[in-house]
Amino acid sequence: MTKKYLLILISITLIGLFLRIYPFDARSWVMDFDTEVVRQALDLGKDIGQKDFSFLKKPVLYPYLTSYFLFLAYGIFYLIGSFSGLFSSVDEFVKYVFLNLNEFYWQSRLIVAIFGALTIPLVSLAVIKLFNKTKEKTIIFAALLAAWLVAFSLLHIQFSQQIRPHIVVSFFFFLSFYLYLCCLEKKNLKSFLLLGAGIGLAAGSFLSGFFAFIFLFLAGWFLNKDRNRFFGMNLIKIFYSPKFLAGLFIFLLFVIVFYPYLFFNWRTVLFEGEKFDFALSGGKHFGVENTSELLSLFGWGLGFKVILKGFLFNELSFVSLLIIFLIIYFFSRQNQPEKLIEKSGYYRTALFGWWAFSGLYFILFGLLDNGTRYRMLTPLIPFMAFGLALLFIEVYQRLGGYRRLIAIFIVVLLLFEAVQAVRLVQLMKRPYSRDEAALWIEENIPASEIIVFQNIFPNLVPNKESIEYQLSHNPDKSSLSRQSQFLLTLNEKDYPKNSKTIVDFNLLVGYNQDSVSKTYKYFKGFQPDYLVLSSRSLNIDKTKYYPEYQIAQKQGQLIKSFAPFKKSQTSRTLNFPSGLDNALIDLWAVKQLGPTVEVYKLNWR
């Protein structure tokens, strides 16, 4: 790749990074700071600080890789803060973290955003690696096309903004594929060791990362395959290959590092947990006791709806390019295209690995997803971009005199994708409706009055009475957020002055949408002063399905409402992406992101 094209790739990567870390003002626009990987990182720091290594035996919800990165980032932030005088001890650092959760959110999501941005050049390099023709303009343009598609992907940008492991595992999935290409090309011990490390990092990011093992298996298969042997003999031969075994050994070492409890406490995880858990987290994740619970984990095809909606409405450029390229590929009359692609054994085995991963992931996700997990689509984004780049190279040879026209159409699609991405980031910059509601509540409702929340706002600090009230209904302290657990340790002098009397409706009532009378009786028992309701959709009759809305209308008066919609769009849904029926329209139909928040003043006289 020449300096000119390298500069373009770097520019696309930097723009992609900017879209993933902007806005710079720290806040959580979709989810709380106190995510599971953050809790694990903070617990890790606490245990290591106390020289307590029992965490090696404790099953956790997610593997430790993302938590390790966050722990390292927090350590660096602590050192910077210590040298700058922001805090002088570990205790002051911990206090800063828990009393400034929203401010700390931005620093935490930088880790995820960086992995999201690194995926951009990696996809481009994989295209070039496959052809080894770095000076051929068509190959380079295809590589830049793949990089652009990932850089401006709405789904990829949105989940790069969240402190979750899905973008991290997406990066390591594609890194494993890139290392698979290296194995096919070099066929040496070093390439297998690196591939073992790559799939180990994928497995250490998220449970689905174990799926990357398919690349090590295929590399071993193609290296040792003998056409004169039966399938079974070739399969056995893989496990006698020193290179494959070396890669497998490195992979298992990484599994021990990121799942230490599987090594130090395997009996409890596999046999003594409350429920058997496919996530190997001691029943903390998808624990099942019987066949009916196992069947409830399957989506029975709802995942295909997520794939269709996710790409058709949120990644229109992907779908449009795929349709155009396929039409040209199958209906082109040019019979002797230029031989840019030499379909050697290396090319075919590389493409087989792409098909094996993408196809199996597509089918398994479609069958198993419950119809809501758009975040699980992120690993498909770089593989789709890579596939479109290869398809572009195929069809470009067949275009003849129509090349300029098709190139203009592609540029228009890519610019449209960029505009959509910029619009999403622009909405993120605007005040989040939940944040606006929290600020209004903090300024207008006295601390002594009881506020019941349908969904707790992380911006508001609960007072000790609120936390103790919650513990009286659920004595298990682990049910509290890490912030609430920390607040319980503070004395009155150090306690935040802006705290409120906050009650979590769902946690305390034991939510039962069919029992209005039960909910009303509970409310009347302690007579809260305010009820704060938040909804992600206006397309349903809330008073019909949710008892809290019926109680609000019967016992209360709406005194304040915060809606992300423009006045003419009151029937729209919200909260990108799962709440947006059609991102093509909804990104422009809303004035800001967030739920509709309604504050009711209750009267029990």
Foldseek 3Di string as FASTA:
>chain_A
DDPVLVVVLVVLLVLLLCLQLPPVQFFDQFDFLQDQLCVVLVVVVVCVVVVHPCVLQAFGDWWNPLSVVLNVLLVVVVVVCCVVVVDPDPVSSVVCCLVPVRNCSSSSLSVLSNLLSVLLLLLLVLLCLLQVCVPDPLSSVLSNQLSLLSSLFQLSSVCSNHSALLSVLLSLLSVLLSLLLVCLVPVDLVSLQVSLLSLLSSCSSGVCSVLSVVSLQLSLLVSQPDPVDDPVVSNVVSVVDPSSVNSPVSSVVSCCVRNVSCVVPVCQQCPVAPFNDPRSRSCPYQGDDDDVSVVVQKQQQLLLVLVCQSCVFRVVLLVVLVVVLVCLLVPQPDDDFDPSDDCDPSSVSSVVSLCVSLVVLSVRSRTRPNNFPNSNCSSVSSSSSSVSSVSSSNSCRRCVPCNVVVVVVSVVSSVVSNVLSVLVSVQVPDDRLLNVVQVCCLPPPDQPAAEEEQDDDSVAAAAPVQLVVLCVQPVPPVVDRPSNVVQVPDDPVPHDPSHHNYHYLCSRQVDDQVDLPSSVVVCLVVPGFKYKYWDQFPQDDCVVRHSVVVQLVVFWDWDDKGAFFDPVPNHAGFDPDSGHSGSVPVSPGGNHHYTIMTMIGGDDD
